[in-house]
Amino acid sequence: MIIIRDRFDFEIGHLAKSPCRECRHKKDLPDCSDGCKTLDRIQVVLASGVSCTGHHPFLES
């Protein structure tokens, strides 16, 4: 999967609470996390962001 990084982290926002808190499968944590579509979507959104802190480890080498 190609992730286009075109949004800054402040545009994405932050999670107010874990989606797992009200999930019907929370009794199966952490085993259920590998197949969770909700967590997959959240990870894709977060991975598409660019940090606005100015600290990029890939630029330090």
PDB file of N, CA and C in Angstrom:
ATOM      1  N   MET A   1       0.835  -1.174   0.000  1.00  0.00           N
ATOM      2  CA  MET A   1       0.000   0.000   0.000  1.00  0.00           C
ATOM      3  C   MET A   1       0.884   1.243   0.000  1.00  0.00           C
ATOM      4  N   ILE A   2       0.593   2.170  -0.869  1.00  0.00           N
ATOM      5  CA  ILE A   2       1.319   3.426  -0.931  1.00  0.00           C
ATOM      6  C   ILE A   2       0.552   4.456  -0.105  1.00  0.00           C
ATOM      7  N   ILE A   3       1.256   5.115   0.800  1.00  0.00           N
ATOM      8  CA  ILE A   3       0.638   6.139   1.634  1.00  0.00           C
ATOM      9  C   ILE A   3       1.143   7.492   1.179  1.00  0.00           C
ATOM     10  N   ILE A   4       0.229   8.355   0.768  1.00  0.00           N
ATOM     11  CA  ILE A   4       0.590   9.698   0.338  1.00  0.00           C
ATOM     12  C   ILE A   4       0.568  10.589   1.574  1.00  0.00           C
ATOM     13  N   ARG A   5       1.721  11.158   1.888  1.00  0.00           N
ATOM     14  CA  ARG A   5       1.848  11.970   3.092  1.00  0.00           C
ATOM     15  C   ARG A   5       1.619  13.431   2.731  1.00  0.00           C
ATOM     16  N   ASP A   6       0.391  13.864   2.814  1.00  0.00           N
ATOM     17  CA  ASP A   6       0.084  15.221   2.400  1.00  0.00           C
ATOM     18  C   ASP A   6      -0.670  16.023   3.451  1.00  0.00           C
ATOM     19  N   ARG A   7      -0.789  15.486   4.663  1.00  0.00           N
ATOM     20  CA  ARG A   7      -1.472  16.217   5.729  1.00  0.00           C
ATOM     21  C   ARG A   7      -0.578  16.272   6.956  1.00  0.00           C
ATOM     22  N   PHE A   8      -0.572  17.405   7.621  1.00  0.00           N
ATOM     23  CA  PHE A   8       0.205  17.535   8.839  1.00  0.00           C
ATOM     24  C   PHE A   8      -0.550  16.918  10.010  1.00  0.00           C
ATOM     25  N   ASP A   9       0.187  16.540  11.042  1.00  0.00           N
ATOM     26  CA  ASP A   9      -0.457  15.877  12.172  1.00  0.00           C
ATOM     27  C   ASP A   9      -1.505  16.754  12.858  1.00  0.00           C
ATOM     28  N   PHE A  10      -1.345  18.071  12.836  1.00  0.00           N
ATOM     29  CA  PHE A  10      -2.374  18.915  13.457  1.00  0.00           C
ATOM     30  C   PHE A  10      -3.654  18.948  12.620  1.00  0.00           C
ATOM     31  N   GLU A  11      -3.570  18.616  11.338  1.00  0.00           N
ATOM     32  CA  GLU A  11      -4.771  18.537  10.503  1.00  0.00           C
ATOM     33  C   GLU A  11      -5.522  17.235  10.753  1.00  0.00           C
ATOM     34  N   ILE A  12      -4.787  16.207  11.124  1.00  0.00           N
ATOM     35  CA  ILE A  12      -5.395  14.899  11.382  1.00  0.00           C
ATOM     36  C   ILE A  12      -6.091  14.898  12.735  1.00  0.00           C
ATOM     37  N   GLY A  13      -5.503  15.551  13.718  1.00  0.00           N
ATOM     38  CA  GLY A  13      -6.081  15.583  15.053  1.00  0.00           C
ATOM     39  C   GLY A  13      -5.523  14.474  15.921  1.00  0.00           C
ATOM     40  N   HIS A  14      -6.245  14.144  16.950  1.00  0.00           N
ATOM     41  CA  HIS A  14      -5.820  13.086  17.854  1.00  0.00           C
ATOM     42  C   HIS A  14      -7.043  12.303  18.317  1.00  0.00           C
ATOM     43  N   LEU A  15      -6.804  11.119  18.832  1.00  0.00           N
ATOM     44  CA  LEU A  15      -7.900  10.296  19.327  1.00  0.00           C
ATOM     45  C   LEU A  15      -8.311  10.775  20.713  1.00  0.00           C
ATOM     46  N   ALA A  16      -9.592  10.977  20.913  1.00  0.00           N
ATOM     47  CA  ALA A  16     -10.089  11.376  22.225  1.00  0.00           C
ATOM     48  C   ALA A  16     -10.131  10.175  23.167  1.00  0.00           C
ATOM     49  N   LYS A  17     -10.386   9.005  22.611  1.00  0.00           N
ATOM     50  CA  LYS A  17     -10.363   7.769  23.401  1.00  0.00           C
ATOM     51  C   LYS A  17     -10.152   6.596  22.460  1.00  0.00           C
ATOM     52  N   SER A  18      -9.708   5.532  23.005  1.00  0.00           N
ATOM     53  CA  SER A  18      -9.452   4.341  22.210  1.00  0.00           C
ATOM     54  C   SER A  18     -10.763   3.763  21.672  1.00  0.00           C
ATOM     55  N   PRO A  19     -10.770   3.362  20.407  1.00  0.00           N
ATOM     56  CA  PRO A  19     -11.977   2.723  19.874  1.00  0.00           C
ATOM     57  C   PRO A  19     -12.230   1.365  20.520  1.00  0.00           C
ATOM     58  N   CYS A  20     -11.227   0.827  21.174  1.00  0.00           N
ATOM     59  CA  CYS A  20     -11.362  -0.481  21.820  1.00  0.00           C
ATOM     60  C   CYS A  20     -12.204  -0.416  23.093  1.00  0.00           C
ATOM     61  N   ARG A  21     -12.347   0.764  23.669  1.00  0.00           N
ATOM     62  CA  ARG A  21     -13.062   0.887  24.941  1.00  0.00           C
ATOM     63  C   ARG A  21     -14.513   0.449  24.847  1.00  0.00           C
ATOM     64  N   GLU A  22     -15.144   0.677  23.701  1.00  0.00           N
ATOM     65  CA  GLU A  22     -16.553   0.316  23.547  1.00  0.00           C
ATOM     66  C   GLU A  22     -16.766  -0.796  22.523  1.00  0.00           C
ATOM     67  N   CYS A  23     -15.702  -1.456  22.151  1.00  0.00           N
ATOM     68  CA  CYS A  23     -15.792  -2.530  21.157  1.00  0.00           C
ATOM     69  C   CYS A  23     -16.374  -3.798  21.781  1.00  0.00           C
ATOM     70  N   ARG A  24     -17.149  -4.490  21.002  1.00  0.00           N
ATOM     71  CA  ARG A  24     -17.743  -5.732  21.510  1.00  0.00           C
ATOM     72  C   ARG A  24     -16.717  -6.847  21.641  1.00  0.00           C
ATOM     73  N   HIS A  25     -15.533  -6.667  21.040  1.00  0.00           N
ATOM     74  CA  HIS A  25     -14.487  -7.684  21.104  1.00  0.00           C
ATOM     75  C   HIS A  25     -13.391  -7.350  22.113  1.00  0.00           C
ATOM     76  N   LYS A  26     -13.593  -6.336  22.962  1.00  0.00           N
ATOM     77  CA  LYS A  26     -12.519  -5.898  23.854  1.00  0.00           C
ATOM     78  C   LYS A  26     -12.091  -6.978  24.838  1.00  0.00           C
ATOM     79  N   LYS A  27     -12.938  -7.943  25.100  1.00  0.00           N
ATOM     80  CA  LYS A  27     -12.561  -9.036  25.996  1.00  0.00           C
ATOM     81  C   LYS A  27     -11.473  -9.909  25.376  1.00  0.00           C
ATOM     82  N   ASP A  28     -11.291  -9.803  24.059  1.00  0.00           N
ATOM     83  CA  ASP A  28     -10.292 -10.598  23.340  1.00  0.00           C
ATOM     84  C   ASP A  28      -8.965  -9.861  23.150  1.00  0.00           C
ATOM     85  N   LEU A  29      -8.849  -8.638  23.689  1.00  0.00           N
ATOM     86  CA  LEU A  29      -7.605  -7.872  23.557  1.00  0.00           C
ATOM     87  C   LEU A  29      -6.438  -8.617  24.187  1.00  0.00           C
ATOM     88  N   PRO A  30      -5.269  -8.548  23.672  1.00  0.00           N
ATOM     89  CA  PRO A  30      -4.817  -7.863  22.481  1.00  0.00           C
ATOM     90  C   PRO A  30      -4.883  -8.735  21.226  1.00  0.00           C
ATOM     91  N   ASP A  31      -5.360  -9.970  21.368  1.00  0.00           N
ATOM     92  CA  ASP A  31      -5.378 -10.899  20.231  1.00  0.00           C
ATOM     93  C   ASP A  31      -6.231 -10.408  19.063  1.00  0.00           C
ATOM     94  N   CYS A  32      -7.267  -9.656  19.344  1.00  0.00           N
ATOM     95  CA  CYS A  32      -8.167  -9.199  18.283  1.00  0.00           C
ATOM     96  C   CYS A  32      -7.593  -8.023  17.485  1.00  0.00           C
ATOM     97  N   SER A  33      -6.554  -7.378  17.974  1.00  0.00           N
ATOM     98  CA  SER A  33      -6.052  -6.157  17.328  1.00  0.00           C
ATOM     99  C   SER A  33      -5.458  -6.403  15.941  1.00  0.00           C
ATOM    100  N   ASP A  34      -4.892  -7.567  15.705  1.00  0.00           N
ATOM    101  CA  ASP A  34      -4.289  -7.849  14.397  1.00  0.00           C
ATOM    102  C   ASP A  34      -5.305  -7.867  13.264  1.00  0.00           C
ATOM    103  N   GLY A  35      -6.531  -8.280  13.533  1.00  0.00           N
ATOM    104  CA  GLY A  35      -7.541  -8.368  12.486  1.00  0.00           C
ATOM    105  C   GLY A  35      -8.582  -7.257  12.538  1.00  0.00           C
ATOM    106  N   CYS A  36      -8.334  -6.226  13.327  1.00  0.00           N
ATOM    107  CA  CYS A  36      -9.333  -5.162  13.524  1.00  0.00           C
ATOM    108  C   CYS A  36      -9.289  -4.142  12.386  1.00  0.00           C
ATOM    109  N   LYS A  37     -10.384  -4.002  11.675  1.00  0.00           N
ATOM    110  CA  LYS A  37     -10.456  -3.055  10.560  1.00  0.00           C
ATOM    111  C   LYS A  37     -10.468  -1.606  11.065  1.00  0.00           C
ATOM    112  N   THR A  38     -11.070  -1.354  12.209  1.00  0.00           N
ATOM    113  CA  THR A  38     -11.090   0.002  12.765  1.00  0.00           C
ATOM    114  C   THR A  38      -9.676   0.462  13.085  1.00  0.00           C
ATOM    115  N   LEU A  39      -8.890  -0.388  13.750  1.00  0.00           N
ATOM    116  CA  LEU A  39      -7.503  -0.027  14.063  1.00  0.00           C
ATOM    117  C   LEU A  39      -6.672   0.119  12.798  1.00  0.00           C
ATOM    118  N   ASP A  40      -6.940  -0.695  11.796  1.00  0.00           N
ATOM    119  CA  ASP A  40      -6.230  -0.566  10.522  1.00  0.00           C
ATOM    120  C   ASP A  40      -6.482   0.798   9.882  1.00  0.00           C
ATOM    121  N   ARG A  41      -7.731   1.249   9.879  1.00  0.00           N
ATOM    122  CA  ARG A  41      -8.056   2.558   9.293  1.00  0.00           C
ATOM    123  C   ARG A  41      -7.389   3.697  10.062  1.00  0.00           C
ATOM    124  N   ILE A  42      -7.386   3.589  11.381  1.00  0.00           N
ATOM    125  CA  ILE A  42      -6.742   4.620  12.210  1.00  0.00           C
ATOM    126  C   ILE A  42      -5.249   4.665  11.924  1.00  0.00           C
ATOM    127  N   GLN A  43      -4.605   3.511  11.808  1.00  0.00           N
ATOM    128  CA  GLN A  43      -3.170   3.469  11.530  1.00  0.00           C
ATOM    129  C   GLN A  43      -2.847   4.082  10.171  1.00  0.00           C
ATOM    130  N   VAL A  44      -3.690   3.850   9.176  1.00  0.00           N
ATOM    131  CA  VAL A  44      -3.463   4.433   7.847  1.00  0.00           C
ATOM    132  C   VAL A  44      -3.559   5.954   7.908  1.00  0.00           C
ATOM    133  N   VAL A  45      -4.560   6.463   8.617  1.00  0.00           N
ATOM    134  CA  VAL A  45      -4.719   7.917   8.742  1.00  0.00           C
ATOM    135  C   VAL A  45      -3.511   8.521   9.460  1.00  0.00           C
ATOM    136  N   LEU A  46      -3.097   7.919  10.559  1.00  0.00           N
ATOM    137  CA  LEU A  46      -1.964   8.440  11.308  1.00  0.00           C
ATOM    138  C   LEU A  46      -0.664   8.340  10.514  1.00  0.00           C
ATOM    139  N   ALA A  47      -0.505   7.274   9.758  1.00  0.00           N
ATOM    140  CA  ALA A  47       0.713   7.103   8.964  1.00  0.00           C
ATOM    141  C   ALA A  47       0.780   8.084   7.806  1.00  0.00           C
ATOM    142  N   SER A  48      -0.361   8.618   7.394  1.00  0.00           N
ATOM    143  CA  SER A  48      -0.357   9.546   6.265  1.00  0.00           C
ATOM    144  C   SER A  48       0.024  10.962   6.678  1.00  0.00           C
ATOM    145  N   GLY A  49       0.141  11.190   7.963  1.00  0.00           N
ATOM    146  CA  GLY A  49       0.464  12.529   8.449  1.00  0.00           C
ATOM    147  C   GLY A  49       1.952  12.815   8.450  1.00  0.00           C
ATOM    148  N   VAL A  50       2.268  14.085   8.381  1.00  0.00           N
ATOM    149  CA  VAL A  50       3.648  14.556   8.457  1.00  0.00           C
ATOM    150  C   VAL A  50       3.776  15.330   9.765  1.00  0.00           C
ATOM    151  N   SER A  51       4.782  15.017  10.530  1.00  0.00           N
ATOM    152  CA  SER A  51       4.975  15.688  11.805  1.00  0.00           C
ATOM    153  C   SER A  51       5.204  17.180  11.607  1.00  0.00           C
ATOM    154  N   CYS A  52       4.589  17.980  12.438  1.00  0.00           N
ATOM    155  CA  CYS A  52       4.785  19.429  12.351  1.00  0.00           C
ATOM    156  C   CYS A  52       5.810  19.913  13.369  1.00  0.00           C
ATOM    157  N   THR A  53       6.489  19.006  14.051  1.00  0.00           N
ATOM    158  CA  THR A  53       7.448  19.406  15.083  1.00  0.00           C
ATOM    159  C   THR A  53       8.782  19.817  14.496  1.00  0.00           C
ATOM    160  N   GLY A  54       9.029  19.478  13.250  1.00  0.00           N
ATOM    161  CA  GLY A  54      10.310  19.810  12.628  1.00  0.00           C
ATOM    162  C   GLY A  54      11.394  18.809  12.945  1.00  0.00           C
ATOM    163  N   HIS A  55      11.090  17.779  13.717  1.00  0.00           N
ATOM    164  CA  HIS A  55      12.067  16.755  14.055  1.00  0.00           C
ATOM    165  C   HIS A  55      11.798  15.526  13.191  1.00  0.00           C
ATOM    166  N   HIS A  56      12.662  15.286  12.235  1.00  0.00           N
ATOM    167  CA  HIS A  56      12.492  14.153  11.338  1.00  0.00           C
ATOM    168  C   HIS A  56      13.752  13.296  11.413  1.00  0.00           C
ATOM    169  N   PRO A  57      13.668  12.116  12.018  1.00  0.00           N
ATOM    170  CA  PRO A  57      14.835  11.259  12.171  1.00  0.00           C
ATOM    171  C   PRO A  57      15.528  10.925  10.855  1.00  0.00           C
ATOM    172  N   PHE A  58      14.772  10.836   9.761  1.00  0.00           N
ATOM    173  CA  PHE A  58      15.371  10.472   8.492  1.00  0.00           C
ATOM    174  C   PHE A  58      16.242  11.598   7.921  1.00  0.00           C
ATOM    175  N   LEU A  59      16.122  12.798   8.445  1.00  0.00           N
ATOM    176  CA  LEU A  59      16.945  13.912   7.985  1.00  0.00           C
ATOM    177  C   LEU A  59      18.231  14.078   8.803  1.00  0.00           C
ATOM    178  N   GLU A  60      18.360  13.333   9.890  1.00  0.00           N
ATOM    179  CA  GLU A  60      19.489  13.515  10.781  1.00  0.00           C
ATOM    180  C   GLU A  60      20.709  12.708  10.413  1.00  0.00           C
ATOM    181  N   SER A  61      20.622  11.813   9.492  1.00  0.00           N
ATOM    182  CA  SER A  61      21.793  10.986   9.150  1.00  0.00           C
ATOM    183  C   SER A  61      22.620  11.581   8.048  1.00  0.00           C
TER     184      SER A  61
END
